[in-house]
C-alpha cells in the first residue's frame, strides 16, 4: 500500500510541476502579447472586448486583473506542488 501511495503522490507532484511550468510559459507569452497590444492599440481588440463605452484604460485594468488572478492560482499550484514533493520524499524515507 505504501509503495502505491508513494508512486501516486510522486506522479501527482511531477504533474503539478508540469502544470506550473506550462502556466509560467503561458503567463510570459500572454504578458508579451499584452505589452504589444498596449503599445499598438489595435481597434479590433476593443471590438472583441465588447466595444461601446469600453476604453483602453478599462481593457488594461481588466487584463491586469486577469493576470493577477491567474498568478494567484499559479501560486496556489506551486504550494500544492511543493507540498506533494515533500510528502513524496517523506514517504520515500519512511519506506
PDB file of N, CA and C in Angstrom:
ATOM      1  N   UNK A   1       0.827  -1.199   0.000  1.00  0.00           N
ATOM      2  CA  UNK A   1       0.000   0.000   0.000  1.00  0.00           C
ATOM      3  C   UNK A   1       0.863   1.252   0.000  1.00  0.00           C
ATOM      4  N   UNK A   2       1.920   1.246   0.821  1.00  0.00           N
ATOM      5  CA  UNK A   2       2.770   2.418   0.910  1.00  0.00           C
ATOM      6  C   UNK A   2       3.493   2.682  -0.407  1.00  0.00           C
ATOM      7  N   UNK A   3       3.871   1.632  -1.118  1.00  0.00           N
ATOM      8  CA  UNK A   3       4.543   1.796  -2.407  1.00  0.00           C
ATOM      9  C   UNK A   3       3.619   2.404  -3.447  1.00  0.00           C
ATOM     10  N   UNK A   4       2.352   1.969  -3.450  1.00  0.00           N
ATOM     11  CA  UNK A   4       1.386   2.544  -4.386  1.00  0.00           C
ATOM     12  C   UNK A   4       1.110   4.002  -4.063  1.00  0.00           C
ATOM     13  N   UNK A   5       0.988   4.318  -2.775  1.00  0.00           N
ATOM     14  CA  UNK A   5       0.745   5.696  -2.369  1.00  0.00           C
ATOM     15  C   UNK A   5       1.934   6.579  -2.736  1.00  0.00           C
ATOM     16  N   UNK A   6       3.141   6.067  -2.485  1.00  0.00           N
ATOM     17  CA  UNK A   6       4.345   6.833  -2.796  1.00  0.00           C
ATOM     18  C   UNK A   6       4.444   7.116  -4.294  1.00  0.00           C
ATOM     19  N   UNK A   7       4.154   6.128  -5.115  1.00  0.00           N
ATOM     20  CA  UNK A   7       4.238   6.347  -6.568  1.00  0.00           C
ATOM     21  C   UNK A   7       3.131   7.283  -7.042  1.00  0.00           C
ATOM     22  N   UNK A   8       1.952   7.183  -6.435  1.00  0.00           N
ATOM     23  CA  UNK A   8       0.860   8.084  -6.822  1.00  0.00           C
ATOM     24  C   UNK A   8       1.151   9.525  -6.416  1.00  0.00           C
ATOM     25  N   UNK A   9       1.671   9.716  -5.218  1.00  0.00           N
ATOM     26  CA  UNK A   9       1.993  11.067  -4.758  1.00  0.00           C
ATOM     27  C   UNK A   9       3.138  11.635  -5.589  1.00  0.00           C
ATOM     28  N   UNK A  10       4.117  10.807  -5.918  1.00  0.00           N
ATOM     29  CA  UNK A  10       5.222  11.263  -6.763  1.00  0.00           C
ATOM     30  C   UNK A  10       4.748  11.664  -8.153  1.00  0.00           C
ATOM     31  N   UNK A  11       3.829  10.879  -8.713  1.00  0.00           N
ATOM     32  CA  UNK A  11       3.276  11.220 -10.032  1.00  0.00           C
ATOM     33  C   UNK A  11       2.466  12.509  -9.967  1.00  0.00           C
ATOM     34  N   UNK A  12       1.723  12.694  -8.883  1.00  0.00           N
ATOM     35  CA  UNK A  12       0.951  13.934  -8.722  1.00  0.00           C
ATOM     36  C   UNK A  12       1.877  15.133  -8.579  1.00  0.00           C
ATOM     37  N   UNK A  13       2.982  14.968  -7.876  1.00  0.00           N
ATOM     38  CA  UNK A  13       3.949  16.060  -7.723  1.00  0.00           C
ATOM     39  C   UNK A  13       4.575  16.429  -9.064  1.00  0.00           C
ATOM     40  N   UNK A  14       4.951  15.416  -9.837  1.00  0.00           N
ATOM     41  CA  UNK A  14       5.526  15.700 -11.166  1.00  0.00           C
ATOM     42  C   UNK A  14       4.509  16.385 -12.070  1.00  0.00           C
ATOM     43  N   UNK A  15       3.269  15.944 -12.025  1.00  0.00           N
ATOM     44  CA  UNK A  15       2.221  16.565 -12.832  1.00  0.00           C
ATOM     45  C   UNK A  15       1.984  18.011 -12.406  1.00  0.00           C
ATOM     46  N   UNK A  16       2.018  18.257 -11.102  1.00  0.00           N
ATOM     47  CA  UNK A  16       1.824  19.627 -10.612  1.00  0.00           C
ATOM     48  C   UNK A  16       2.962  20.537 -11.077  1.00  0.00           C
ATOM     49  N   UNK A  17       4.190  20.030 -11.060  1.00  0.00           N
ATOM     50  CA  UNK A  17       5.307  20.856 -11.529  1.00  0.00           C
ATOM     51  C   UNK A  17       5.198  21.135 -13.024  1.00  0.00           C
ATOM     52  N   UNK A  18       4.691  20.177 -13.808  1.00  0.00           N
ATOM     53  CA  UNK A  18       4.470  20.432 -15.232  1.00  0.00           C
ATOM     54  C   UNK A  18       3.389  21.485 -15.436  1.00  0.00           C
ATOM     55  N   UNK A  19       2.355  21.436 -14.609  1.00  0.00           N
ATOM     56  CA  UNK A  19       1.296  22.458 -14.694  1.00  0.00           C
ATOM     57  C   UNK A  19       1.870  23.833 -14.383  1.00  0.00           C
ATOM     58  N   UNK A  20       2.741  23.909 -13.386  1.00  0.00           N
ATOM     59  CA  UNK A  20       3.380  25.186 -13.049  1.00  0.00           C
ATOM     60  C   UNK A  20       4.246  25.667 -14.208  1.00  0.00           C
ATOM     61  N   UNK A  21       5.009  24.763 -14.807  1.00  0.00           N
ATOM     62  CA  UNK A  21       5.872  25.146 -15.928  1.00  0.00           C
ATOM     63  C   UNK A  21       5.059  25.675 -17.108  1.00  0.00           C
ATOM     64  N   UNK A  22       3.994  24.985 -17.457  1.00  0.00           N
ATOM     65  CA  UNK A  22       3.138  25.436 -18.559  1.00  0.00           C
ATOM     66  C   UNK A  22       2.451  26.753 -18.194  1.00  0.00           C
ATOM     67  N   UNK A  23       2.036  26.897 -16.952  1.00  0.00           N
ATOM     68  CA  UNK A  23       1.397  28.130 -16.516  1.00  0.00           C
ATOM     69  C   UNK A  23       2.334  29.325 -16.583  1.00  0.00           C
ATOM     70  N   UNK A  24       3.576  29.147 -16.173  1.00  0.00           N
ATOM     71  CA  UNK A  24       4.559  30.238 -16.252  1.00  0.00           C
ATOM     72  C   UNK A  24       4.827  30.602 -17.708  1.00  0.00           C
ATOM     73  N   UNK A  25       4.940  29.605 -18.577  1.00  0.00           N
ATOM     74  CA  UNK A  25       5.145  29.896 -20.005  1.00  0.00           C
ATOM     75  C   UNK A  25       3.943  30.652 -20.569  1.00  0.00           C
ATOM     76  N   UNK A  26       2.737  30.260 -20.170  1.00  0.00           N
ATOM     77  CA  UNK A  26       1.524  30.919 -20.639  1.00  0.00           C
ATOM     78  C   UNK A  26       1.482  32.380 -20.172  1.00  0.00           C
ATOM     79  N   UNK A  27       1.843  32.628 -18.911  1.00  0.00           N
ATOM     80  CA  UNK A  27       1.848  33.997 -18.392  1.00  0.00           C
ATOM     81  C   UNK A  27       2.884  34.837 -19.132  1.00  0.00           C
ATOM     82  N   UNK A  28       4.057  34.288 -19.383  1.00  0.00           N
ATOM     83  CA  UNK A  28       5.097  35.036 -20.100  1.00  0.00           C
ATOM     84  C   UNK A  28       4.646  35.381 -21.515  1.00  0.00           C
ATOM     85  N   UNK A  29       4.078  34.412 -22.220  1.00  0.00           N
ATOM     86  CA  UNK A  29       3.597  34.664 -23.571  1.00  0.00           C
ATOM     87  C   UNK A  29       2.445  35.666 -23.557  1.00  0.00           C
ATOM     88  N   UNK A  30       1.508  35.487 -22.648  1.00  0.00           N
ATOM     89  CA  UNK A  30       0.373  36.398 -22.559  1.00  0.00           C
ATOM     90  C   UNK A  30       0.795  37.809 -22.209  1.00  0.00           C
ATOM     91  N   UNK A  31       1.789  37.949 -21.337  1.00  0.00           N
ATOM     92  CA  UNK A  31       2.260  39.280 -20.971  1.00  0.00           C
ATOM     93  C   UNK A  31       2.927  39.977 -22.151  1.00  0.00           C
ATOM     94  N   UNK A  32       3.664  39.232 -22.951  1.00  0.00           N
ATOM     95  CA  UNK A  32       4.294  39.838 -24.147  1.00  0.00           C
ATOM     96  C   UNK A  32       3.228  40.281 -25.153  1.00  0.00           C
ATOM     97  N   UNK A  33       2.206  39.462 -25.336  1.00  0.00           N
ATOM     98  CA  UNK A  33       1.101  39.853 -26.225  1.00  0.00           C
ATOM     99  C   UNK A  33       0.383  41.068 -25.665  1.00  0.00           C
ATOM    100  N   UNK A  34       0.191  41.099 -24.355  1.00  0.00           N
ATOM    101  CA  UNK A  34      -0.465  42.233 -23.715  1.00  0.00           C
ATOM    102  C   UNK A  34       0.355  43.510 -23.892  1.00  0.00           C
ATOM    103  N   UNK A  35       1.687  43.411 -23.737  1.00  0.00           N
ATOM    104  CA  UNK A  35       2.542  44.589 -23.952  1.00  0.00           C
ATOM    105  C   UNK A  35       2.432  45.090 -25.384  1.00  0.00           C
ATOM    106  N   UNK A  36       2.391  44.159 -26.335  1.00  0.00           N
ATOM    107  CA  UNK A  36       2.252  44.564 -27.726  1.00  0.00           C
ATOM    108  C   UNK A  36       0.913  45.264 -27.948  1.00  0.00           C
ATOM    109  N   UNK A  37      -0.156  44.697 -27.376  1.00  0.00           N
ATOM    110  CA  UNK A  37      -1.480  45.299 -27.561  1.00  0.00           C
ATOM    111  C   UNK A  37      -1.572  46.678 -26.922  1.00  0.00           C
ATOM    112  N   UNK A  38      -0.921  46.871 -25.792  1.00  0.00           N
ATOM    113  CA  UNK A  38      -0.990  48.171 -25.125  1.00  0.00           C
ATOM    114  C   UNK A  38      -0.171  49.221 -25.868  1.00  0.00           C
ATOM    115  N   UNK A  39       0.835  48.788 -26.619  1.00  0.00           N
ATOM    116  CA  UNK A  39       1.606  49.772 -27.388  1.00  0.00           C
ATOM    117  C   UNK A  39       0.987  50.010 -28.764  1.00  0.00           C
ATOM    118  N   UNK A  40       0.455  48.956 -29.399  1.00  0.00           N
ATOM    119  CA  UNK A  40      -0.120  49.100 -30.749  1.00  0.00           C
ATOM    120  C   UNK A  40      -1.569  49.590 -30.701  1.00  0.00           C
ATOM    121  N   UNK A  41      -2.315  49.187 -29.701  1.00  0.00           N
ATOM    122  CA  UNK A  41      -3.728  49.536 -29.518  1.00  0.00           C
ATOM    123  C   UNK A  41      -4.564  49.345 -30.795  1.00  0.00           C
ATOM    124  N   UNK A  42      -4.629  48.097 -31.279  1.00  0.00           N
ATOM    125  CA  UNK A  42      -5.436  47.844 -32.475  1.00  0.00           C
ATOM    126  C   UNK A  42      -6.928  47.991 -32.162  1.00  0.00           C
ATOM    127  N   UNK A  43      -7.668  48.483 -33.139  1.00  0.00           N
ATOM    128  CA  UNK A  43      -9.104  48.722 -32.937  1.00  0.00           C
ATOM    129  C   UNK A  43      -9.895  47.441 -32.729  1.00  0.00           C
ATOM    130  N   UNK A  44      -9.449  46.340 -33.332  1.00  0.00           N
ATOM    131  CA  UNK A  44     -10.204  45.100 -33.238  1.00  0.00           C
ATOM    132  C   UNK A  44     -10.235  44.555 -31.818  1.00  0.00           C
ATOM    133  N   UNK A  45      -9.278  44.952 -30.975  1.00  0.00           N
ATOM    134  CA  UNK A  45      -9.289  44.478 -29.587  1.00  0.00           C
ATOM    135  C   UNK A  45     -10.482  45.057 -28.844  1.00  0.00           C
ATOM    136  N   UNK A  46     -10.750  46.344 -29.053  1.00  0.00           N
ATOM    137  CA  UNK A  46     -11.911  46.961 -28.404  1.00  0.00           C
ATOM    138  C   UNK A  46     -13.213  46.355 -28.905  1.00  0.00           C
ATOM    139  N   UNK A  47     -13.251  46.007 -30.194  1.00  0.00           N
ATOM    140  CA  UNK A  47     -14.451  45.376 -30.745  1.00  0.00           C
ATOM    141  C   UNK A  47     -14.647  43.992 -30.124  1.00  0.00           C
ATOM    142  N   UNK A  48     -13.562  43.222 -29.980  1.00  0.00           N
ATOM    143  CA  UNK A  48     -13.663  41.893 -29.378  1.00  0.00           C
ATOM    144  C   UNK A  48     -14.026  41.956 -27.897  1.00  0.00           C
ATOM    145  N   UNK A  49     -13.635  43.037 -27.234  1.00  0.00           N
ATOM    146  CA  UNK A  49     -13.948  43.184 -25.805  1.00  0.00           C
ATOM    147  C   UNK A  49     -15.350  43.723 -25.568  1.00  0.00           C
ATOM    148  N   UNK A  50     -16.078  44.032 -26.597  1.00  0.00           N
ATOM    149  CA  UNK A  50     -17.457  44.467 -26.429  1.00  0.00           C
ATOM    150  C   UNK A  50     -17.744  45.833 -27.001  1.00  0.00           C
ATOM    151  N   UNK A  51     -16.708  46.608 -27.292  1.00  0.00           N
ATOM    152  CA  UNK A  51     -16.913  47.936 -27.871  1.00  0.00           C
ATOM    153  C   UNK A  51     -17.690  48.837 -26.933  1.00  0.00           C
ATOM    154  N   UNK A  52     -18.528  49.674 -27.484  1.00  0.00           N
ATOM    155  CA  UNK A  52     -19.356  50.561 -26.676  1.00  0.00           C
ATOM    156  C   UNK A  52     -18.534  51.585 -25.925  1.00  0.00           C
ATOM    157  N   UNK A  53     -18.804  51.697 -24.630  1.00  0.00           N
ATOM    158  CA  UNK A  53     -18.115  52.670 -23.788  1.00  0.00           C
ATOM    159  C   UNK A  53     -16.775  52.171 -23.260  1.00  0.00           C
ATOM    160  N   UNK A  54     -16.367  50.995 -23.684  1.00  0.00           N
ATOM    161  CA  UNK A  54     -15.130  50.408 -23.194  1.00  0.00           C
ATOM    162  C   UNK A  54     -13.935  51.120 -23.821  1.00  0.00           C
ATOM    163  N   UNK A  55     -13.021  51.596 -22.998  1.00  0.00           N
ATOM    164  CA  UNK A  55     -11.827  52.269 -23.485  1.00  0.00           C
ATOM    165  C   UNK A  55     -10.585  51.452 -23.176  1.00  0.00           C
ATOM    166  N   UNK A  56      -9.441  51.994 -23.563  1.00  0.00           N
ATOM    167  CA  UNK A  56      -8.191  51.271 -23.357  1.00  0.00           C
ATOM    168  C   UNK A  56      -7.818  51.177 -21.889  1.00  0.00           C
ATOM    169  N   UNK A  57      -8.211  52.165 -21.108  1.00  0.00           N
ATOM    170  CA  UNK A  57      -7.965  52.077 -19.663  1.00  0.00           C
ATOM    171  C   UNK A  57      -8.717  50.918 -19.036  1.00  0.00           C
ATOM    172  N   UNK A  58      -9.960  50.708 -19.488  1.00  0.00           N
ATOM    173  CA  UNK A  58     -10.753  49.582 -18.977  1.00  0.00           C
ATOM    174  C   UNK A  58     -10.161  48.251 -19.404  1.00  0.00           C
ATOM    175  N   UNK A  59      -9.731  48.166 -20.656  1.00  0.00           N
ATOM    176  CA  UNK A  59      -9.120  46.920 -21.151  1.00  0.00           C
ATOM    177  C   UNK A  59      -7.846  46.628 -20.373  1.00  0.00           C
ATOM    178  N   UNK A  60      -7.056  47.658 -20.112  1.00  0.00           N
ATOM    179  CA  UNK A  60      -5.825  47.467 -19.357  1.00  0.00           C
ATOM    180  C   UNK A  60      -6.124  46.999 -17.936  1.00  0.00           C
ATOM    181  N   UNK A  61      -7.089  47.602 -17.276  1.00  0.00           N
ATOM    182  CA  UNK A  61      -7.442  47.238 -15.907  1.00  0.00           C
ATOM    183  C   UNK A  61      -7.981  45.802 -15.844  1.00  0.00           C
ATOM    184  N   UNK A  62      -8.854  45.435 -16.775  1.00  0.00           N
ATOM    185  CA  UNK A  62      -9.436  44.092 -16.780  1.00  0.00           C
ATOM    186  C   UNK A  62      -8.372  43.032 -17.049  1.00  0.00           C
ATOM    187  N   UNK A  63      -7.480  43.311 -18.005  1.00  0.00           N
ATOM    188  CA  UNK A  63      -6.451  42.323 -18.323  1.00  0.00           C
ATOM    189  C   UNK A  63      -5.442  42.186 -17.183  1.00  0.00           C
ATOM    190  N   UNK A  64      -5.110  43.277 -16.501  1.00  0.00           N
ATOM    191  CA  UNK A  64      -4.200  43.165 -15.361  1.00  0.00           C
ATOM    192  C   UNK A  64      -4.848  42.397 -14.211  1.00  0.00           C
ATOM    193  N   UNK A  65      -6.151  42.583 -14.019  1.00  0.00           N
ATOM    194  CA  UNK A  65      -6.848  41.803 -13.000  1.00  0.00           C
ATOM    195  C   UNK A  65      -6.858  40.324 -13.377  1.00  0.00           C
ATOM    196  N   UNK A  66      -7.005  40.019 -14.650  1.00  0.00           N
ATOM    197  CA  UNK A  66      -6.949  38.627 -15.107  1.00  0.00           C
ATOM    198  C   UNK A  66      -5.580  38.008 -14.883  1.00  0.00           C
ATOM    199  N   UNK A  67      -4.520  38.771 -15.204  1.00  0.00           N
ATOM    200  CA  UNK A  67      -3.167  38.276 -14.949  1.00  0.00           C
ATOM    201  C   UNK A  67      -2.945  38.053 -13.452  1.00  0.00           C
ATOM    202  N   UNK A  68      -3.432  38.967 -12.642  1.00  0.00           N
ATOM    203  CA  UNK A  68      -3.279  38.821 -11.198  1.00  0.00           C
ATOM    204  C   UNK A  68      -3.998  37.590 -10.671  1.00  0.00           C
ATOM    205  N   UNK A  69      -5.216  37.362 -11.127  1.00  0.00           N
ATOM    206  CA  UNK A  69      -5.965  36.179 -10.698  1.00  0.00           C
ATOM    207  C   UNK A  69      -5.255  34.898 -11.137  1.00  0.00           C
ATOM    208  N   UNK A  70      -4.736  34.892 -12.364  1.00  0.00           N
ATOM    209  CA  UNK A  70      -4.031  33.708 -12.857  1.00  0.00           C
ATOM    210  C   UNK A  70      -2.764  33.456 -12.042  1.00  0.00           C
ATOM    211  N   UNK A  71      -2.062  34.523 -11.657  1.00  0.00           N
ATOM    212  CA  UNK A  71      -0.848  34.352 -10.861  1.00  0.00           C
ATOM    213  C   UNK A  71      -1.166  33.846  -9.463  1.00  0.00           C
ATOM    214  N   UNK A  72      -2.300  34.244  -8.900  1.00  0.00           N
ATOM    215  CA  UNK A  72      -2.698  33.725  -7.587  1.00  0.00           C
ATOM    216  C   UNK A  72      -2.981  32.230  -7.680  1.00  0.00           C
ATOM    217  N   UNK A  73      -3.673  31.813  -8.726  1.00  0.00           N
ATOM    218  CA  UNK A  73      -3.939  30.383  -8.935  1.00  0.00           C
ATOM    219  C   UNK A  73      -2.631  29.630  -9.167  1.00  0.00           C
ATOM    220  N   UNK A  74      -1.711  30.238  -9.913  1.00  0.00           N
ATOM    221  CA  UNK A  74      -0.417  29.615 -10.160  1.00  0.00           C
ATOM    222  C   UNK A  74       0.374  29.484  -8.862  1.00  0.00           C
ATOM    223  N   UNK A  75       0.291  30.484  -7.992  1.00  0.00           N
ATOM    224  CA  UNK A  75       0.972  30.413  -6.698  1.00  0.00           C
ATOM    225  C   UNK A  75       0.398  29.281  -5.851  1.00  0.00           C
ATOM    226  N   UNK A  76      -0.912  29.126  -5.854  1.00  0.00           N
ATOM    227  CA  UNK A  76      -1.537  28.025  -5.117  1.00  0.00           C
ATOM    228  C   UNK A  76      -1.081  26.675  -5.681  1.00  0.00           C
ATOM    229  N   UNK A  77      -0.908  26.598  -6.983  1.00  0.00           N
ATOM    230  CA  UNK A  77      -0.430  25.368  -7.607  1.00  0.00           C
ATOM    231  C   UNK A  77       1.014  25.083  -7.211  1.00  0.00           C
ATOM    232  N   UNK A  78       1.832  26.126  -7.106  1.00  0.00           N
ATOM    233  CA  UNK A  78       3.215  25.953  -6.651  1.00  0.00           C
ATOM    234  C   UNK A  78       3.231  25.419  -5.225  1.00  0.00           C
ATOM    235  N   UNK A  79       2.392  25.984  -4.359  1.00  0.00           N
ATOM    236  CA  UNK A  79       2.327  25.494  -2.979  1.00  0.00           C
ATOM    237  C   UNK A  79       1.908  24.025  -2.931  1.00  0.00           C
ATOM    238  N   UNK A  80       0.931  23.652  -3.748  1.00  0.00           N
ATOM    239  CA  UNK A  80       0.498  22.253  -3.790  1.00  0.00           C
ATOM    240  C   UNK A  80       1.613  21.351  -4.322  1.00  0.00           C
ATOM    241  N   UNK A  81       2.355  21.817  -5.323  1.00  0.00           N
ATOM    242  CA  UNK A  81       3.446  21.019  -5.883  1.00  0.00           C
ATOM    243  C   UNK A  81       4.566  20.830  -4.866  1.00  0.00           C
ATOM    244  N   UNK A  82       4.893  21.876  -4.126  1.00  0.00           N
ATOM    245  CA  UNK A  82       5.922  21.762  -3.089  1.00  0.00           C
ATOM    246  C   UNK A  82       5.469  20.788  -2.010  1.00  0.00           C
ATOM    247  N   UNK A  83       4.214  20.912  -1.581  1.00  0.00           N
ATOM    248  CA  UNK A  83       3.697  20.017  -0.544  1.00  0.00           C
ATOM    249  C   UNK A  83       3.712  18.565  -1.015  1.00  0.00           C
ATOM    250  N   UNK A  84       3.280  18.327  -2.242  1.00  0.00           N
ATOM    251  CA  UNK A  84       3.290  16.964  -2.771  1.00  0.00           C
ATOM    252  C   UNK A  84       4.716  16.426  -2.894  1.00  0.00           C
ATOM    253  N   UNK A  85       5.646  17.266  -3.306  1.00  0.00           N
ATOM    254  CA  UNK A  85       7.041  16.828  -3.425  1.00  0.00           C
ATOM    255  C   UNK A  85       7.618  16.459  -2.063  1.00  0.00           C
ATOM    256  N   UNK A  86       7.352  17.303  -1.053  1.00  0.00           N
ATOM    257  CA  UNK A  86       7.851  16.999   0.289  1.00  0.00           C
ATOM    258  C   UNK A  86       7.200  15.745   0.860  1.00  0.00           C
ATOM    259  N   UNK A  87       5.916  15.574   0.602  1.00  0.00           N
ATOM    260  CA  UNK A  87       5.219  14.381   1.071  1.00  0.00           C
ATOM    261  C   UNK A  87       5.783  13.128   0.399  1.00  0.00           C
ATOM    262  N   UNK A  88       6.053  13.217  -0.879  1.00  0.00           N
ATOM    263  CA  UNK A  88       6.626  12.092  -1.607  1.00  0.00           C
ATOM    264  C   UNK A  88       7.995  11.725  -1.066  1.00  0.00           C
ATOM    265  N   UNK A  89       8.811  12.726  -0.762  1.00  0.00           N
ATOM    266  CA  UNK A  89      10.130  12.460  -0.197  1.00  0.00           C
ATOM    267  C   UNK A  89      10.016  11.840   1.193  1.00  0.00           C
ATOM    268  N   UNK A  90       9.045  12.324   1.975  1.00  0.00           N
ATOM    269  CA  UNK A  90       8.834  11.738   3.301  1.00  0.00           C
ATOM    270  C   UNK A  90       8.401  10.284   3.229  1.00  0.00           C
ATOM    271  N   UNK A  91       7.536   9.967   2.271  1.00  0.00           N
ATOM    272  CA  UNK A  91       7.122   8.574   2.089  1.00  0.00           C
ATOM    273  C   UNK A  91       8.288   7.710   1.616  1.00  0.00           C
ATOM    274  N   UNK A  92       9.148   8.290   0.792  1.00  0.00           N
ATOM    275  CA  UNK A  92      10.313   7.527   0.314  1.00  0.00           C
ATOM    276  C   UNK A  92      11.273   7.212   1.470  1.00  0.00           C
ATOM    277  N   UNK A  93      11.471   8.183   2.371  1.00  0.00           N
ATOM    278  CA  UNK A  93      12.361   7.961   3.514  1.00  0.00           C
ATOM    279  C   UNK A  93      11.758   6.952   4.501  1.00  0.00           C
ATOM    280  N   UNK A  94      10.446   6.970   4.651  1.00  0.00           N
ATOM    281  CA  UNK A  94       9.784   6.078   5.607  1.00  0.00           C
ATOM    282  C   UNK A  94       9.822   4.627   5.146  1.00  0.00           C
ATOM    283  N   UNK A  95       9.964   4.422   3.858  1.00  0.00           N
ATOM    284  CA  UNK A  95       9.934   3.053   3.328  1.00  0.00           C
ATOM    285  C   UNK A  95      11.249   2.333   3.489  1.00  0.00           C
TER     286      UNK A  95
END
